[in-house]
Structures are given as structure tokens and as C-alpha cells.
Amino acid sequence: MFRTAPRMAGFVFRENRVPYYQRLFQKHDGKRQWYKTERSNYIMYPYLVSVYGLGIATTYAMVRMVFGHKTFFGKE
């Protein structure tokens, strides 16, 4: 009654990457787990910039509001 999607041929005979990643992540090379792959920099640096950038921007805005800057919202 219900039809399932046909299997994609690319995933049927794919190599098993689990042993490779198991050796990679269990290697004691002094690197953090999230920096071990070659794609880690493309993921971690935008994340860190956004986290610390938003933290700094939020802190700046809160400090301006607490100390009562009247031109914060464009009003004088």
C-alpha cells in the first residue's frame, strides 16, 4: 500500500569509515576532539567568531543601556 523510496546506489557499496574515524579520534596527539579533522577549521572558526562576537556586542549594548546613554535608540 505504501511505497518506499528506492535505495540510492551511492550508499549501498560505500566503504566503512568507522575504523578510520575511530583511530583518528582515539589518537593521543594533543589536539582537541573538535580540531582533529581537516574540516574542523571551517566549522569552528565561524562558530567562535559568532559566539564571542555576539557576546561582545551584547555586553556593549547592556553597558550602554545601564549607564543611560540617551542616543542608544536614535533619540536625543
PDB file of N, CA and C in Angstrom:
ATOM      1  N   MET A   1       0.819  -1.182   0.000  1.00  0.00           N
ATOM      2  CA  MET A   1       0.000   0.000   0.000  1.00  0.00           C
ATOM      3  C   MET A   1       0.872   1.259   0.000  1.00  0.00           C
ATOM      4  N   PHE A   2       1.898   1.294   0.890  1.00  0.00           N
ATOM      5  CA  PHE A   2       2.800   2.434   0.911  1.00  0.00           C
ATOM      6  C   PHE A   2       4.052   2.077   0.129  1.00  0.00           C
ATOM      7  N   ARG A   3       4.491   2.996  -0.664  1.00  0.00           N
ATOM      8  CA  ARG A   3       5.701   2.763  -1.442  1.00  0.00           C
ATOM      9  C   ARG A   3       6.862   3.473  -0.763  1.00  0.00           C
ATOM     10  N   THR A   4       7.963   2.795  -0.677  1.00  0.00           N
ATOM     11  CA  THR A   4       9.150   3.418  -0.093  1.00  0.00           C
ATOM     12  C   THR A   4      10.032   3.958  -1.207  1.00  0.00           C
ATOM     13  N   ALA A   5      10.871   4.894  -0.854  1.00  0.00           N
ATOM     14  CA  ALA A   5      11.785   5.471  -1.835  1.00  0.00           C
ATOM     15  C   ALA A   5      12.821   4.425  -2.234  1.00  0.00           C
ATOM     16  N   PRO A   6      13.199   4.390  -3.501  1.00  0.00           N
ATOM     17  CA  PRO A   6      14.223   3.421  -3.909  1.00  0.00           C
ATOM     18  C   PRO A   6      15.565   3.741  -3.253  1.00  0.00           C
ATOM     19  N   ARG A   7      16.351   2.727  -3.029  1.00  0.00           N
ATOM     20  CA  ARG A   7      17.662   2.939  -2.410  1.00  0.00           C
ATOM     21  C   ARG A   7      18.587   3.653  -3.378  1.00  0.00           C
ATOM     22  N   MET A   8      19.359   4.554  -2.813  1.00  0.00           N
ATOM     23  CA  MET A   8      20.316   5.280  -3.640  1.00  0.00           C
ATOM     24  C   MET A   8      21.554   4.408  -3.812  1.00  0.00           C
ATOM     25  N   ALA A   9      21.988   4.272  -5.037  1.00  0.00           N
ATOM     26  CA  ALA A   9      23.083   3.356  -5.334  1.00  0.00           C
ATOM     27  C   ALA A   9      24.394   3.788  -4.686  1.00  0.00           C
ATOM     28  N   GLY A  10      24.567   5.063  -4.412  1.00  0.00           N
ATOM     29  CA  GLY A  10      25.813   5.540  -3.835  1.00  0.00           C
ATOM     30  C   GLY A  10      26.042   5.102  -2.408  1.00  0.00           C
ATOM     31  N   PHE A  11      24.988   4.735  -1.705  1.00  0.00           N
ATOM     32  CA  PHE A  11      25.126   4.358  -0.304  1.00  0.00           C
ATOM     33  C   PHE A  11      25.177   2.852  -0.092  1.00  0.00           C
ATOM     34  N   VAL A  12      24.973   2.061  -1.133  1.00  0.00           N
ATOM     35  CA  VAL A  12      24.937   0.617  -0.965  1.00  0.00           C
ATOM     36  C   VAL A  12      26.341   0.046  -0.802  1.00  0.00           C
ATOM     37  N   PHE A  13      27.254   0.414  -1.683  1.00  0.00           N
ATOM     38  CA  PHE A  13      28.608  -0.146  -1.665  1.00  0.00           C
ATOM     39  C   PHE A  13      29.625   0.907  -1.247  1.00  0.00           C
ATOM     40  N   ARG A  14      29.336   1.580  -0.158  1.00  0.00           N
ATOM     41  CA  ARG A  14      30.226   2.615   0.336  1.00  0.00           C
ATOM     42  C   ARG A  14      31.199   2.009   1.337  1.00  0.00           C
ATOM     43  N   GLU A  15      32.426   2.522   1.361  1.00  0.00           N
ATOM     44  CA  GLU A  15      33.407   1.968   2.293  1.00  0.00           C
ATOM     45  C   GLU A  15      33.040   2.330   3.727  1.00  0.00           C
ATOM     46  N   ASN A  16      33.412   1.484   4.638  1.00  0.00           N
ATOM     47  CA  ASN A  16      33.138   1.697   6.045  1.00  0.00           C
ATOM     48  C   ASN A  16      34.215   2.614   6.618  1.00  0.00           C
ATOM     49  N   ARG A  17      33.811   3.843   7.009  1.00  0.00           N
ATOM     50  CA  ARG A  17      34.762   4.830   7.523  1.00  0.00           C
ATOM     51  C   ARG A  17      34.879   4.799   9.050  1.00  0.00           C
ATOM     52  N   VAL A  18      34.130   3.937   9.712  1.00  0.00           N
ATOM     53  CA  VAL A  18      34.140   3.900  11.174  1.00  0.00           C
ATOM     54  C   VAL A  18      35.524   3.568  11.731  1.00  0.00           C
ATOM     55  N   PRO A  19      36.239   2.540  11.222  1.00  0.00           N
ATOM     56  CA  PRO A  19      37.575   2.276  11.778  1.00  0.00           C
ATOM     57  C   PRO A  19      38.544   3.443  11.596  1.00  0.00           C
ATOM     58  N   TYR A  20      38.436   4.151  10.461  1.00  0.00           N
ATOM     59  CA  TYR A  20      39.309   5.308  10.225  1.00  0.00           C
ATOM     60  C   TYR A  20      39.059   6.399  11.265  1.00  0.00           C
ATOM     61  N   TYR A  21      37.784   6.749  11.467  1.00  0.00           N
ATOM     62  CA  TYR A  21      37.477   7.810  12.420  1.00  0.00           C
ATOM     63  C   TYR A  21      37.727   7.358  13.855  1.00  0.00           C
ATOM     64  N   GLN A  22      37.570   6.068  14.134  1.00  0.00           N
ATOM     65  CA  GLN A  22      37.868   5.580  15.476  1.00  0.00           C
ATOM     66  C   GLN A  22      39.359   5.733  15.782  1.00  0.00           C
ATOM     67  N   ARG A  23      40.215   5.377  14.836  1.00  0.00           N
ATOM     68  CA  ARG A  23      41.653   5.574  15.040  1.00  0.00           C
ATOM     69  C   ARG A  23      41.996   7.053  15.151  1.00  0.00           C
ATOM     70  N   LEU A  24      41.346   7.878  14.326  1.00  0.00           N
ATOM     71  CA  LEU A  24      41.637   9.306  14.327  1.00  0.00           C
ATOM     72  C   LEU A  24      41.286   9.949  15.669  1.00  0.00           C
ATOM     73  N   PHE A  25      40.100   9.656  16.178  1.00  0.00           N
ATOM     74  CA  PHE A  25      39.655  10.315  17.401  1.00  0.00           C
ATOM     75  C   PHE A  25      40.251   9.701  18.660  1.00  0.00           C
ATOM     76  N   GLN A  26      40.770   8.479  18.597  1.00  0.00           N
ATOM     77  CA  GLN A  26      41.402   7.879  19.760  1.00  0.00           C
ATOM     78  C   GLN A  26      42.914   8.086  19.786  1.00  0.00           C
ATOM     79  N   LYS A  27      43.443   8.735  18.769  1.00  0.00           N
ATOM     80  CA  LYS A  27      44.879   9.016  18.725  1.00  0.00           C
ATOM     81  C   LYS A  27      45.220  10.100  19.744  1.00  0.00           C
ATOM     82  N   HIS A  28      46.244   9.878  20.533  1.00  0.00           N
ATOM     83  CA  HIS A  28      46.647  10.847  21.552  1.00  0.00           C
ATOM     84  C   HIS A  28      47.715  11.763  20.966  1.00  0.00           C
ATOM     85  N   ASP A  29      47.261  12.771  20.224  1.00  0.00           N
ATOM     86  CA  ASP A  29      48.198  13.688  19.581  1.00  0.00           C
ATOM     87  C   ASP A  29      48.165  15.084  20.190  1.00  0.00           C
ATOM     88  N   GLY A  30      47.440  15.262  21.288  1.00  0.00           N
ATOM     89  CA  GLY A  30      47.408  16.548  21.965  1.00  0.00           C
ATOM     90  C   GLY A  30      46.417  17.533  21.393  1.00  0.00           C
ATOM     91  N   LYS A  31      45.651  17.141  20.383  1.00  0.00           N
ATOM     92  CA  LYS A  31      44.665  18.038  19.797  1.00  0.00           C
ATOM     93  C   LYS A  31      43.303  17.755  20.397  1.00  0.00           C
ATOM     94  N   ARG A  32      42.495  18.803  20.506  1.00  0.00           N
ATOM     95  CA  ARG A  32      41.136  18.627  20.981  1.00  0.00           C
ATOM     96  C   ARG A  32      40.332  17.846  19.953  1.00  0.00           C
ATOM     97  N   GLN A  33      39.270  17.216  20.400  1.00  0.00           N
ATOM     98  CA  GLN A  33      38.481  16.357  19.518  1.00  0.00           C
ATOM     99  C   GLN A  33      37.878  17.141  18.361  1.00  0.00           C
ATOM    100  N   TRP A  34      37.462  18.384  18.589  1.00  0.00           N
ATOM    101  CA  TRP A  34      36.801  19.156  17.548  1.00  0.00           C
ATOM    102  C   TRP A  34      37.785  19.791  16.570  1.00  0.00           C
ATOM    103  N   TYR A  35      39.081  19.592  16.757  1.00  0.00           N
ATOM    104  CA  TYR A  35      40.072  20.093  15.802  1.00  0.00           C
ATOM    105  C   TYR A  35      40.801  18.968  15.071  1.00  0.00           C
ATOM    106  N   LYS A  36      40.350  17.728  15.162  1.00  0.00           N
ATOM    107  CA  LYS A  36      41.106  16.606  14.612  1.00  0.00           C
ATOM    108  C   LYS A  36      40.925  16.404  13.116  1.00  0.00           C
ATOM    109  N   THR A  37      39.793  16.773  12.542  1.00  0.00           N
ATOM    110  CA  THR A  37      39.574  16.535  11.118  1.00  0.00           C
ATOM    111  C   THR A  37      40.067  17.729  10.307  1.00  0.00           C
ATOM    112  N   GLU A  38      40.184  17.536   9.011  1.00  0.00           N
ATOM    113  CA  GLU A  38      40.666  18.630   8.165  1.00  0.00           C
ATOM    114  C   GLU A  38      39.596  19.694   7.938  1.00  0.00           C
ATOM    115  N   ARG A  39      38.335  19.376   8.183  1.00  0.00           N
ATOM    116  CA  ARG A  39      37.258  20.349   8.002  1.00  0.00           C
ATOM    117  C   ARG A  39      36.937  21.115   9.278  1.00  0.00           C
ATOM    118  N   SER A  40      37.644  20.851  10.338  1.00  0.00           N
ATOM    119  CA  SER A  40      37.312  21.447  11.636  1.00  0.00           C
ATOM    120  C   SER A  40      37.429  22.965  11.628  1.00  0.00           C
ATOM    121  N   ASN A  41      38.426  23.491  10.957  1.00  0.00           N
ATOM    122  CA  ASN A  41      38.614  24.945  10.951  1.00  0.00           C
ATOM    123  C   ASN A  41      37.455  25.663  10.276  1.00  0.00           C
ATOM    124  N   TYR A  42      36.872  25.040   9.250  1.00  0.00           N
ATOM    125  CA  TYR A  42      35.749  25.663   8.546  1.00  0.00           C
ATOM    126  C   TYR A  42      34.502  25.712   9.413  1.00  0.00           C
ATOM    127  N   ILE A  43      34.435  24.852  10.404  1.00  0.00           N
ATOM    128  CA  ILE A  43      33.270  24.813  11.281  1.00  0.00           C
ATOM    129  C   ILE A  43      33.523  25.616  12.552  1.00  0.00           C
ATOM    130  N   MET A  44      34.704  25.463  13.139  1.00  0.00           N
ATOM    131  CA  MET A  44      34.954  26.048  14.451  1.00  0.00           C
ATOM    132  C   MET A  44      35.191  27.557  14.411  1.00  0.00           C
ATOM    133  N   TYR A  45      35.924  28.065  13.426  1.00  0.00           N
ATOM    134  CA  TYR A  45      36.229  29.495  13.429  1.00  0.00           C
ATOM    135  C   TYR A  45      35.001  30.368  13.223  1.00  0.00           C
ATOM    136  N   PRO A  46      34.096  30.068  12.280  1.00  0.00           N
ATOM    137  CA  PRO A  46      32.860  30.881  12.230  1.00  0.00           C
ATOM    138  C   PRO A  46      32.024  30.765  13.505  1.00  0.00           C
ATOM    139  N   TYR A  47      32.004  29.580  14.103  1.00  0.00           N
ATOM    140  CA  TYR A  47      31.266  29.397  15.359  1.00  0.00           C
ATOM    141  C   TYR A  47      31.870  30.266  16.462  1.00  0.00           C
ATOM    142  N   LEU A  48      33.180  30.234  16.616  1.00  0.00           N
ATOM    143  CA  LEU A  48      33.815  31.014  17.675  1.00  0.00           C
ATOM    144  C   LEU A  48      33.656  32.516  17.447  1.00  0.00           C
ATOM    145  N   VAL A  49      33.762  32.947  16.194  1.00  0.00           N
ATOM    146  CA  VAL A  49      33.569  34.371  15.889  1.00  0.00           C
ATOM    147  C   VAL A  49      32.149  34.794  16.226  1.00  0.00           C
ATOM    148  N   SER A  50      31.168  33.974  15.888  1.00  0.00           N
ATOM    149  CA  SER A  50      29.787  34.344  16.182  1.00  0.00           C
ATOM    150  C   SER A  50      29.516  34.337  17.690  1.00  0.00           C
ATOM    151  N   VAL A  51      30.029  33.349  18.405  1.00  0.00           N
ATOM    152  CA  VAL A  51      29.776  33.284  19.854  1.00  0.00           C
ATOM    153  C   VAL A  51      30.434  34.461  20.564  1.00  0.00           C
ATOM    154  N   TYR A  52      31.722  34.679  20.330  1.00  0.00           N
ATOM    155  CA  TYR A  52      32.404  35.770  21.027  1.00  0.00           C
ATOM    156  C   TYR A  52      31.978  37.132  20.495  1.00  0.00           C
ATOM    157  N   GLY A  53      31.701  37.230  19.200  1.00  0.00           N
ATOM    158  CA  GLY A  53      31.232  38.499  18.636  1.00  0.00           C
ATOM    159  C   GLY A  53      29.885  38.911  19.194  1.00  0.00           C
ATOM    160  N   LEU A  54      28.947  37.963  19.268  1.00  0.00           N
ATOM    161  CA  LEU A  54      27.637  38.283  19.833  1.00  0.00           C
ATOM    162  C   LEU A  54      27.738  38.569  21.328  1.00  0.00           C
ATOM    163  N   GLY A  55      28.638  37.879  22.010  1.00  0.00           N
ATOM    164  CA  GLY A  55      28.825  38.158  23.434  1.00  0.00           C
ATOM    165  C   GLY A  55      29.351  39.563  23.675  1.00  0.00           C
ATOM    166  N   ILE A  56      30.315  39.972  22.869  1.00  0.00           N
ATOM    167  CA  ILE A  56      30.869  41.322  22.999  1.00  0.00           C
ATOM    168  C   ILE A  56      29.836  42.374  22.629  1.00  0.00           C
ATOM    169  N   ALA A  57      29.080  42.146  21.555  1.00  0.00           N
ATOM    170  CA  ALA A  57      28.061  43.113  21.135  1.00  0.00           C
ATOM    171  C   ALA A  57      26.955  43.233  22.176  1.00  0.00           C
ATOM    172  N   THR A  58      26.545  42.116  22.759  1.00  0.00           N
ATOM    173  CA  THR A  58      25.506  42.147  23.778  1.00  0.00           C
ATOM    174  C   THR A  58      25.992  42.865  25.034  1.00  0.00           C
ATOM    175  N   THR A  59      27.223  42.585  25.431  1.00  0.00           N
ATOM    176  CA  THR A  59      27.778  43.263  26.606  1.00  0.00           C
ATOM    177  C   THR A  59      27.892  44.761  26.364  1.00  0.00           C
ATOM    178  N   TYR A  60      28.325  45.156  25.189  1.00  0.00           N
ATOM    179  CA  TYR A  60      28.430  46.579  24.848  1.00  0.00           C
ATOM    180  C   TYR A  60      27.062  47.248  24.927  1.00  0.00           C
ATOM    181  N   ALA A  61      26.036  46.596  24.362  1.00  0.00           N
ATOM    182  CA  ALA A  61      24.702  47.185  24.378  1.00  0.00           C
ATOM    183  C   ALA A  61      24.163  47.287  25.802  1.00  0.00           C
ATOM    184  N   MET A  62      24.406  46.260  26.627  1.00  0.00           N
ATOM    185  CA  MET A  62      23.923  46.308  28.013  1.00  0.00           C
ATOM    186  C   MET A  62      24.623  47.409  28.800  1.00  0.00           C
ATOM    187  N   VAL A  63      25.912  47.579  28.590  1.00  0.00           N
ATOM    188  CA  VAL A  63      26.652  48.629  29.307  1.00  0.00           C
ATOM    189  C   VAL A  63      26.123  49.999  28.911  1.00  0.00           C
ATOM    190  N   ARG A  64      25.847  50.193  27.634  1.00  0.00           N
ATOM    191  CA  ARG A  64      25.311  51.485  27.204  1.00  0.00           C
ATOM    192  C   ARG A  64      23.932  51.744  27.805  1.00  0.00           C
ATOM    193  N   MET A  65      23.108  50.699  27.887  1.00  0.00           N
ATOM    194  CA  MET A  65      21.773  50.891  28.459  1.00  0.00           C
ATOM    195  C   MET A  65      21.845  51.151  29.961  1.00  0.00           C
ATOM    196  N   VAL A  66      22.732  50.465  30.666  1.00  0.00           N
ATOM    197  CA  VAL A  66      22.828  50.625  32.116  1.00  0.00           C
ATOM    198  C   VAL A  66      23.320  52.016  32.470  1.00  0.00           C
ATOM    199  N   PHE A  67      24.285  52.526  31.743  1.00  0.00           N
ATOM    200  CA  PHE A  67      24.841  53.839  32.059  1.00  0.00           C
ATOM    201  C   PHE A  67      24.050  54.977  31.441  1.00  0.00           C
ATOM    202  N   GLY A  68      22.939  54.668  30.784  1.00  0.00           N
ATOM    203  CA  GLY A  68      21.984  55.694  30.385  1.00  0.00           C
ATOM    204  C   GLY A  68      22.385  56.560  29.220  1.00  0.00           C
ATOM    205  N   HIS A  69      22.991  56.015  28.216  1.00  0.00           N
ATOM    206  CA  HIS A  69      23.282  56.800  27.031  1.00  0.00           C
ATOM    207  C   HIS A  69      21.975  57.080  26.321  1.00  0.00           C
ATOM    208  N   LYS A  70      21.674  58.354  26.119  1.00  0.00           N
ATOM    209  CA  LYS A  70      20.385  58.729  25.563  1.00  0.00           C
ATOM    210  C   LYS A  70      20.301  58.522  24.054  1.00  0.00           C
ATOM    211  N   THR A  71      21.430  58.428  23.390  1.00  0.00           N
ATOM    212  CA  THR A  71      21.403  58.300  21.935  1.00  0.00           C
ATOM    213  C   THR A  71      21.470  56.832  21.481  1.00  0.00           C
ATOM    214  N   PHE A  72      21.182  55.907  22.397  1.00  0.00           N
ATOM    215  CA  PHE A  72      21.288  54.489  22.041  1.00  0.00           C
ATOM    216  C   PHE A  72      20.228  54.089  21.033  1.00  0.00           C
ATOM    217  N   PHE A  73      18.989  54.580  21.211  1.00  0.00           N
ATOM    218  CA  PHE A  73      17.900  54.193  20.323  1.00  0.00           C
ATOM    219  C   PHE A  73      17.646  55.229  19.247  1.00  0.00           C
ATOM    220  N   GLY A  74      18.559  56.130  19.040  1.00  0.00           N
ATOM    221  CA  GLY A  74      18.412  57.128  17.994  1.00  0.00           C
ATOM    222  C   GLY A  74      17.658  58.366  18.439  1.00  0.00           C
ATOM    223  N   LYS A  75      17.302  58.452  19.718  1.00  0.00           N
ATOM    224  CA  LYS A  75      16.613  59.608  20.236  1.00  0.00           C
ATOM    225  C   LYS A  75      17.608  60.491  20.974  1.00  0.00           C
ATOM    226  N   GLU A  76      17.372  61.792  20.910  1.00  0.00           N
ATOM    227  CA  GLU A  76      18.274  62.713  21.619  1.00  0.00           C
ATOM    228  C   GLU A  76      17.556  63.500  22.673  1.00  0.00           C
TER     229      GLU A  76
END
